[in-house]
Amino acid sequence: AWALSHHEFLDGTGYPQGLKEGEIPLEARILTILDVYDALTAADRPYKKAMPPERAFNILEEMAAEGKLDNLLVAAFKESGIWEE
């Protein structure tokens, strides 16, 4: 269920089921943030250049402010520093 839900957003605008905040498992919320970050920063995309982490976090924070991502989880991911490895 976690993998299926990793494109769901808290405001219900994601896919494939259009789930909302209370319907999305915590683990899927985490995967969604990681998936968006990876899509923004990945260097192996032939159709776009990799984005610097600082810009990617600006976008994640904007998405959280819009109600799409969990603000506390975005902050925890940023503060963890694991993305620097």
C-alpha atoms as a PDB file:
ATOM      1  CA  ALA A   1       0.000   0.000   0.000  1.00  0.00           C
ATOM      2  CA  TRP A   2       2.908   2.367   0.655  1.00  0.00           C
ATOM      3  CA  ALA A   3       4.307   2.162  -2.859  1.00  0.00           C
ATOM      4  CA  LEU A   4       0.835   2.535  -4.358  1.00  0.00           C
ATOM      5  CA  SER A   5       0.268   5.720  -2.359  1.00  0.00           C
ATOM      6  CA  HIS A   6       3.599   7.473  -2.969  1.00  0.00           C
ATOM      7  CA  HIS A   7       2.067   9.848  -5.530  1.00  0.00           C
ATOM      8  CA  GLU A   8      -0.781  10.887  -3.245  1.00  0.00           C
ATOM      9  CA  PHE A   9      -0.839  14.418  -1.816  1.00  0.00           C
ATOM     10  CA  LEU A  10      -2.442  15.464   1.464  1.00  0.00           C
ATOM     11  CA  ASP A  11      -4.891  17.777  -0.312  1.00  0.00           C
ATOM     12  CA  GLY A  12      -6.291  14.943  -2.448  1.00  0.00           C
ATOM     13  CA  THR A  13      -4.734  16.083  -5.735  1.00  0.00           C
ATOM     14  CA  GLY A  14      -2.411  13.100  -6.117  1.00  0.00           C
ATOM     15  CA  TYR A  15      -2.953   9.780  -7.840  1.00  0.00           C
ATOM     16  CA  PRO A  16      -3.938   6.995  -8.346  1.00  0.00           C
ATOM     17  CA  GLN A  17      -6.724   7.180  -5.745  1.00  0.00           C
ATOM     18  CA  GLY A  18      -6.922  10.871  -4.852  1.00  0.00           C
ATOM     19  CA  LEU A  19      -6.475  10.073  -1.165  1.00  0.00           C
ATOM     20  CA  LYS A  20      -6.489  12.864   1.406  1.00  0.00           C
ATOM     21  CA  GLU A  21      -4.468  13.478   4.560  1.00  0.00           C
ATOM     22  CA  GLY A  22      -6.159  11.020   6.920  1.00  0.00           C
ATOM     23  CA  GLU A  23      -6.190   8.277   4.300  1.00  0.00           C
ATOM     24  CA  ILE A  24      -2.470   8.291   3.454  1.00  0.00           C
ATOM     25  CA  PRO A  25      -0.236   6.139   5.680  1.00  0.00           C
ATOM     26  CA  LEU A  26       2.719   7.856   7.351  1.00  0.00           C
ATOM     27  CA  GLU A  27       5.133   5.648   5.427  1.00  0.00           C
ATOM     28  CA  ALA A  28       3.600   6.720   2.107  1.00  0.00           C
ATOM     29  CA  ARG A  29       3.850  10.391   3.135  1.00  0.00           C
ATOM     30  CA  ILE A  30       7.555   9.878   3.742  1.00  0.00           C
ATOM     31  CA  LEU A  31       7.993   8.087   0.407  1.00  0.00           C
ATOM     32  CA  THR A  32       6.196  10.919  -1.393  1.00  0.00           C
ATOM     33  CA  ILE A  33       8.633  13.498  -0.019  1.00  0.00           C
ATOM     34  CA  LEU A  34      11.623  11.344  -0.925  1.00  0.00           C
ATOM     35  CA  ASP A  35      10.237  10.695  -4.408  1.00  0.00           C
ATOM     36  CA  VAL A  36       9.692  14.400  -5.112  1.00  0.00           C
ATOM     37  CA  TYR A  37      13.164  15.255  -3.777  1.00  0.00           C
ATOM     38  CA  ASP A  38      14.765  12.542  -5.901  1.00  0.00           C
ATOM     39  CA  ALA A  39      12.892  13.650  -9.019  1.00  0.00           C
ATOM     40  CA  LEU A  40      14.126  17.213  -8.502  1.00  0.00           C
ATOM     41  CA  THR A  41      17.766  16.410  -7.721  1.00  0.00           C
ATOM     42  CA  ALA A  42      18.470  13.285  -9.813  1.00  0.00           C
ATOM     43  CA  ALA A  43      21.295  13.773 -12.291  1.00  0.00           C
ATOM     44  CA  ASP A  44      20.274  10.828 -14.461  1.00  0.00           C
ATOM     45  CA  ARG A  45      17.215  12.435 -16.073  1.00  0.00           C
ATOM     46  CA  PRO A  46      17.823  13.004 -19.796  1.00  0.00           C
ATOM     47  CA  TYR A  47      15.065  15.618 -20.017  1.00  0.00           C
ATOM     48  CA  LYS A  48      16.283  17.992 -17.304  1.00  0.00           C
ATOM     49  CA  LYS A  49      19.304  18.994 -15.264  1.00  0.00           C
ATOM     50  CA  ALA A  50      19.644  18.115 -11.601  1.00  0.00           C
ATOM     51  CA  MET A  51      18.467  20.812  -9.234  1.00  0.00           C
ATOM     52  CA  PRO A  52      20.632  21.867  -6.266  1.00  0.00           C
ATOM     53  CA  PRO A  53      19.353  20.600  -2.897  1.00  0.00           C
ATOM     54  CA  GLU A  54      18.608  24.127  -1.660  1.00  0.00           C
ATOM     55  CA  ARG A  55      16.203  24.778  -4.545  1.00  0.00           C
ATOM     56  CA  ALA A  56      14.640  21.337  -4.136  1.00  0.00           C
ATOM     57  CA  PHE A  57      13.927  22.071  -0.474  1.00  0.00           C
ATOM     58  CA  ASN A  58      12.370  25.402  -1.441  1.00  0.00           C
ATOM     59  CA  ILE A  59       9.967  23.489  -3.677  1.00  0.00           C
ATOM     60  CA  LEU A  60       9.244  20.869  -0.987  1.00  0.00           C
ATOM     61  CA  GLU A  61       8.531  23.651   1.507  1.00  0.00           C
ATOM     62  CA  GLU A  62       6.250  25.404  -1.008  1.00  0.00           C
ATOM     63  CA  MET A  63       4.376  22.139  -1.554  1.00  0.00           C
ATOM     64  CA  ALA A  64       4.007  21.737   2.216  1.00  0.00           C
ATOM     65  CA  ALA A  65       2.702  25.314   2.526  1.00  0.00           C
ATOM     66  CA  GLU A  66       0.147  24.505  -0.191  1.00  0.00           C
ATOM     67  CA  GLY A  67      -1.065  21.502   1.820  1.00  0.00           C
ATOM     68  CA  LYS A  68       0.336  18.868  -0.524  1.00  0.00           C
ATOM     69  CA  LEU A  69       3.124  17.525   1.729  1.00  0.00           C
ATOM     70  CA  ASP A  70       3.444  17.056   5.479  1.00  0.00           C
ATOM     71  CA  ASN A  71       5.270  20.139   6.777  1.00  0.00           C
ATOM     72  CA  LEU A  72       6.744  18.357   9.805  1.00  0.00           C
ATOM     73  CA  LEU A  73       8.087  15.512   7.674  1.00  0.00           C
ATOM     74  CA  VAL A  74       9.643  17.910   5.149  1.00  0.00           C
ATOM     75  CA  ALA A  75      11.341  19.766   8.018  1.00  0.00           C
ATOM     76  CA  ALA A  76      12.545  16.510   9.585  1.00  0.00           C
ATOM     77  CA  PHE A  77      13.982  15.342   6.260  1.00  0.00           C
ATOM     78  CA  LYS A  78      15.790  18.641   5.748  1.00  0.00           C
ATOM     79  CA  GLU A  79      17.137  18.748   9.303  1.00  0.00           C
ATOM     80  CA  SER A  80      18.283  15.110   9.193  1.00  0.00           C
ATOM     81  CA  GLY A  81      20.962  15.867   6.625  1.00  0.00           C
ATOM     82  CA  ILE A  82      20.725  12.354   5.173  1.00  0.00           C
ATOM     83  CA  TRP A  83      20.160  13.914   1.752  1.00  0.00           C
ATOM     84  CA  GLU A  84      23.771  15.188   1.867  1.00  0.00           C
ATOM     85  CA  GLU A  85      25.202  11.671   1.674  1.00  0.00           C
END
